[in-house]
N, C-alpha and C. Protein backbone atom coordinates (compact mmCIF):
# COMPACT_ATOMS: atom_id res chain seq x y z
N MET A 1 0.82 -1.21 -0.01
CA MET A 1 0.09 0.02 -0.09
C MET A 1 0.84 1.30 -0.03
N LEU A 2 1.95 1.30 0.87
CA LEU A 2 2.69 2.44 0.84
C LEU A 2 3.59 2.58 -0.43
N ALA A 3 4.02 1.34 -0.97
CA ALA A 3 4.61 1.50 -2.37
C ALA A 3 3.71 2.13 -3.47
N LYS A 4 2.50 1.90 -3.33
CA LYS A 4 1.74 2.34 -4.44
C LYS A 4 1.49 3.91 -4.27
N ALA A 5 1.48 4.30 -2.98
CA ALA A 5 1.39 5.68 -2.65
C ALA A 5 2.59 6.54 -3.04
N VAL A 6 3.75 5.90 -2.89
CA VAL A 6 4.98 6.53 -3.34
C VAL A 6 5.13 6.58 -4.89
N GLU A 7 4.66 5.50 -5.47
CA GLU A 7 4.71 5.52 -6.91
C GLU A 7 3.71 6.55 -7.46
N ALA A 8 2.61 6.72 -6.94
CA ALA A 8 1.60 7.83 -7.39
C ALA A 8 2.22 9.21 -7.14
N ILE A 9 2.95 9.44 -6.10
CA ILE A 9 3.38 10.71 -5.96
C ILE A 9 4.57 11.04 -6.87
N GLN A 10 5.32 9.90 -7.16
CA GLN A 10 6.50 10.00 -8.09
C GLN A 10 6.04 10.30 -9.54
N ARG A 11 4.82 9.67 -9.96
CA ARG A 11 4.27 10.05 -11.24
C ARG A 11 3.71 11.33 -11.22
N TYR A 12 3.06 11.86 -10.06
CA TYR A 12 2.49 13.17 -10.08
C TYR A 12 3.60 14.22 -10.36
N LEU A 13 4.78 14.00 -9.61
CA LEU A 13 5.91 14.89 -9.76
C LEU A 13 6.57 14.82 -11.11
N GLU A 14 6.56 13.73 -11.68
CA GLU A 14 7.14 13.55 -13.07
C GLU A 14 6.16 14.41 -14.08
N GLU A 15 4.76 14.28 -13.95
CA GLU A 15 3.89 14.94 -14.84
C GLU A 15 3.76 16.55 -14.60
N HIS A 16 4.02 16.95 -13.35
CA HIS A 16 3.58 18.36 -12.96
C HIS A 16 4.94 19.19 -12.43
N HIS A 17 6.07 18.54 -12.48
CA HIS A 17 7.11 19.36 -11.84
C HIS A 17 7.52 20.68 -12.64
N ARG A 18 7.28 20.86 -13.87
CA ARG A 18 7.54 22.16 -14.58
C ARG A 18 6.73 23.20 -14.04
N GLU A 19 5.37 22.74 -13.73
CA GLU A 19 4.66 24.02 -13.30
C GLU A 19 4.87 24.31 -11.75
N HIS A 20 5.15 23.32 -10.94
CA HIS A 20 5.27 23.45 -9.62
C HIS A 20 6.82 23.94 -9.20
N LEU A 21 7.68 23.58 -10.00
CA LEU A 21 9.06 24.05 -9.74
C LEU A 21 9.51 25.18 -10.79
N LYS A 22 8.67 25.84 -11.52
CA LYS A 22 8.86 26.76 -12.50
C LYS A 22 9.58 27.92 -11.91
N PRO A 23 9.38 28.54 -10.69
CA PRO A 23 10.39 29.54 -10.23
C PRO A 23 11.77 29.15 -10.00
N LEU A 24 11.87 28.02 -9.42
CA LEU A 24 13.24 27.53 -9.26
C LEU A 24 13.85 27.18 -10.60
N LEU A 25 13.33 26.60 -11.49
CA LEU A 25 13.85 26.29 -12.80
C LEU A 25 14.33 27.54 -13.55
N ASP A 26 13.31 28.48 -13.59
CA ASP A 26 13.56 29.91 -14.19
C ASP A 26 14.76 30.55 -13.58
N PHE A 27 14.88 30.47 -12.28
CA PHE A 27 16.05 31.02 -11.46
C PHE A 27 17.30 30.49 -12.08
N SER A 28 17.29 29.07 -12.08
CA SER A 28 18.47 28.35 -12.38
C SER A 28 18.80 28.76 -13.99
N ARG A 29 17.91 28.73 -14.73
CA ARG A 29 18.24 29.13 -16.29
C ARG A 29 18.84 30.49 -16.19
N LYS A 30 18.19 31.61 -15.55
CA LYS A 30 18.53 32.88 -15.60
C LYS A 30 20.13 33.05 -14.97
N GLU A 31 20.59 32.15 -13.96
CA GLU A 31 21.76 32.39 -13.32
C GLU A 31 22.77 31.60 -14.19
N ASP A 32 22.44 30.45 -14.85
CA ASP A 32 23.22 29.71 -15.83
C ASP A 32 24.55 29.41 -15.28
N ARG A 33 24.66 28.95 -13.95
CA ARG A 33 25.80 28.60 -13.40
C ARG A 33 25.42 27.78 -11.92
N ILE A 34 26.49 27.09 -11.46
CA ILE A 34 26.18 26.39 -10.15
C ILE A 34 25.99 27.52 -9.07
N VAL A 35 24.88 27.24 -8.34
CA VAL A 35 24.53 28.35 -7.33
C VAL A 35 24.41 27.61 -5.95
N PRO A 36 25.11 28.10 -4.94
CA PRO A 36 25.01 27.61 -3.68
C PRO A 36 23.55 27.53 -3.17
N LEU A 37 23.15 26.63 -2.36
CA LEU A 37 21.88 26.45 -1.79
C LEU A 37 21.55 27.89 -1.04
N SER A 38 22.54 28.40 -0.20
CA SER A 38 22.27 29.48 0.51
C SER A 38 21.89 30.75 -0.32
N GLU A 39 22.38 30.80 -1.51
CA GLU A 39 22.11 31.88 -2.50
C GLU A 39 20.67 31.58 -3.14
N ILE A 40 20.34 30.46 -3.50
CA ILE A 40 19.09 30.23 -3.73
C ILE A 40 18.00 30.53 -2.84
N SER A 41 18.26 30.12 -1.53
CA SER A 41 17.34 30.40 -0.41
C SER A 41 17.20 31.84 -0.26
N ASP A 42 18.38 32.62 -0.39
CA ASP A 42 18.34 34.12 -0.18
C ASP A 42 17.47 34.65 -1.33
N HIS A 43 17.54 34.15 -2.44
CA HIS A 43 16.62 34.65 -3.78
C HIS A 43 15.18 34.55 -3.30
N PHE A 44 14.79 33.33 -2.80
CA PHE A 44 13.39 33.07 -2.58
C PHE A 44 12.95 33.40 -1.15
N ALA A 45 13.85 34.21 -0.47
CA ALA A 45 13.53 34.46 1.00
C ALA A 45 12.19 35.19 1.19
N SER A 46 11.73 36.00 0.17
CA SER A 46 10.53 36.89 0.29
C SER A 46 9.30 35.99 -0.03
N SER A 47 9.45 34.76 -0.51
CA SER A 47 8.53 33.96 -1.10
C SER A 47 7.99 32.84 -0.01
N GLN A 48 7.01 32.25 -0.40
CA GLN A 48 6.52 31.23 0.61
C GLN A 48 7.38 29.83 0.65
N LEU A 49 8.47 29.91 -0.19
CA LEU A 49 9.31 28.81 -0.21
C LEU A 49 10.35 28.75 0.85
N TYR A 50 10.38 27.70 1.66
CA TYR A 50 11.34 27.62 2.73
C TYR A 50 12.58 26.91 2.28
N PRO A 51 13.74 27.08 2.90
CA PRO A 51 15.12 26.64 2.54
C PRO A 51 15.04 24.97 2.44
N TRP A 52 14.23 24.32 3.34
CA TRP A 52 14.12 22.97 3.30
C TRP A 52 13.37 22.37 2.13
N HIS A 53 12.34 23.19 1.61
CA HIS A 53 11.45 22.94 0.53
C HIS A 53 12.48 23.10 -0.71
N LEU A 54 13.21 24.05 -0.68
CA LEU A 54 14.10 24.34 -2.04
C LEU A 54 15.19 23.12 -2.03
N GLU A 55 15.60 22.79 -0.83
CA GLU A 55 16.59 21.81 -1.00
C GLU A 55 16.09 20.42 -1.40
N SER A 56 14.79 20.14 -1.05
CA SER A 56 14.18 18.92 -1.33
C SER A 56 13.86 19.03 -2.84
N ALA A 57 13.34 20.14 -3.38
CA ALA A 57 13.07 20.30 -4.75
C ALA A 57 14.40 20.03 -5.59
N CYS A 58 15.62 20.76 -5.14
CA CYS A 58 16.79 20.58 -5.88
C CYS A 58 17.27 19.03 -5.78
N GLU A 59 17.21 18.52 -4.64
CA GLU A 59 17.51 17.05 -4.55
C GLU A 59 16.71 16.26 -5.59
N TRP A 60 15.36 16.47 -5.62
CA TRP A 60 14.51 15.57 -6.58
C TRP A 60 14.96 16.01 -8.07
N LEU A 61 15.20 17.11 -8.41
CA LEU A 61 15.72 17.49 -9.71
C LEU A 61 17.03 16.76 -9.91
N GLU A 62 17.90 16.82 -9.04
CA GLU A 62 19.16 15.99 -9.25
C GLU A 62 19.04 14.56 -9.40
N GLN A 63 18.08 14.12 -8.63
CA GLN A 63 17.84 12.61 -8.73
C GLN A 63 17.31 12.27 -10.16
N GLU A 64 16.45 13.23 -10.74
CA GLU A 64 15.80 13.01 -12.13
C GLU A 64 16.84 13.46 -13.17
N GLY A 65 18.15 13.90 -12.90
CA GLY A 65 19.07 14.23 -13.84
C GLY A 65 18.81 15.60 -14.47
N MET A 66 17.95 16.39 -13.88
CA MET A 66 17.84 17.71 -14.51
C MET A 66 18.83 18.75 -13.92
N VAL A 67 19.31 18.55 -12.87
CA VAL A 67 20.35 19.52 -12.42
C VAL A 67 21.53 18.76 -11.89
N GLU A 68 22.51 19.41 -11.83
CA GLU A 68 23.90 18.86 -11.32
C GLU A 68 24.08 19.37 -9.92
N LYS A 69 24.45 18.37 -9.14
CA LYS A 69 24.79 18.78 -7.63
C LYS A 69 26.41 18.89 -7.32
N LEU A 70 26.69 19.81 -6.89
CA LEU A 70 28.13 19.98 -6.56
C LEU A 70 28.30 20.51 -5.18
N SER A 71 29.49 21.14 -4.68
CA SER A 71 29.46 21.76 -3.44
C SER A 71 30.22 23.11 -3.59
N ALA A 72 29.86 23.90 -2.61
CA ALA A 72 30.40 25.37 -2.78
C ALA A 72 31.04 25.67 -1.60
N PRO A 73 32.26 26.30 -1.44
CA PRO A 73 32.73 26.76 -0.14
C PRO A 73 32.04 27.88 0.47
N PHE A 74 31.83 27.96 1.86
CA PHE A 74 31.45 28.98 2.51
C PHE A 74 32.04 29.17 3.90
N LYS A 75 31.96 30.50 4.28
CA LYS A 75 32.40 30.66 5.74
C LYS A 75 31.28 30.91 6.63
N LEU A 76 31.53 30.27 7.96
CA LEU A 76 30.41 30.44 9.00
C LEU A 76 30.16 31.92 9.20
N THR A 77 31.24 32.74 9.35
CA THR A 77 31.11 34.17 9.63
C THR A 77 31.96 34.94 8.65
N LYS A 78 31.92 36.16 8.41
CA LYS A 78 32.60 37.02 7.40
C LYS A 78 34.21 37.02 7.92
N ARG A 79 34.42 36.82 9.10
CA ARG A 79 35.87 36.80 9.54
C ARG A 79 36.32 35.54 9.64
N SER A 80 35.56 34.41 9.60
CA SER A 80 36.06 33.12 9.66
C SER A 80 37.07 32.60 8.79
N SER A 81 38.26 32.04 9.16
CA SER A 81 39.40 31.70 8.27
C SER A 81 38.98 30.13 7.76
N ASP A 82 38.09 29.44 8.43
CA ASP A 82 37.77 28.05 7.97
C ASP A 82 36.75 28.05 6.91
N CYS A 83 36.82 27.39 5.87
CA CYS A 83 35.73 27.20 4.71
C CYS A 83 35.00 25.85 5.05
N PHE A 84 33.83 25.75 4.84
CA PHE A 84 32.98 24.56 4.89
C PHE A 84 32.46 24.44 3.53
N GLU A 85 31.66 23.34 3.27
CA GLU A 85 30.95 22.97 2.01
C GLU A 85 29.60 23.01 2.15
N GLU A 86 28.72 23.61 1.17
CA GLU A 86 27.37 23.44 1.12
C GLU A 86 27.00 23.10 -0.30
N PRO A 87 25.76 22.44 -0.30
CA PRO A 87 25.23 21.90 -1.64
C PRO A 87 25.13 23.13 -2.63
N ALA A 88 25.30 22.84 -3.87
CA ALA A 88 25.02 23.83 -4.83
C ALA A 88 24.53 23.15 -6.01
N TYR A 89 23.79 23.88 -6.78
CA TYR A 89 22.92 23.28 -7.88
C TYR A 89 23.11 24.09 -9.20
N GLY A 90 23.04 23.43 -10.35
CA GLY A 90 23.06 23.98 -11.68
C GLY A 90 22.34 23.27 -12.69
N LEU A 91 21.66 23.84 -13.73
CA LEU A 91 21.05 23.04 -14.79
C LEU A 91 22.12 22.26 -15.49
N ARG A 92 21.77 20.97 -15.97
CA ARG A 92 22.54 20.23 -16.71
C ARG A 92 22.54 20.80 -18.06
N SER A 93 23.72 20.77 -18.77
CA SER A 93 23.76 21.16 -20.14
C SER A 93 23.07 20.45 -21.19
């Protein structure tokens, strides 16, 4: 029963992702580069999209082969000397 529900959700996403993820896909096309998740979140900060929704959407698009997932360095603070990695996404060519 659970497997059928997951399959139905997957089919729905495959059929309707373009309309539901249009703002994210348009942003990715406009940027035309690998964009860190924090920058994507900042871009959509005034919308109803939350960072964890954006990350889930990016992960799904990556799983479907539509975007590429890499990592981007970031610092915890402006004065921090240590760099960490965060997910970054870009449309596949």
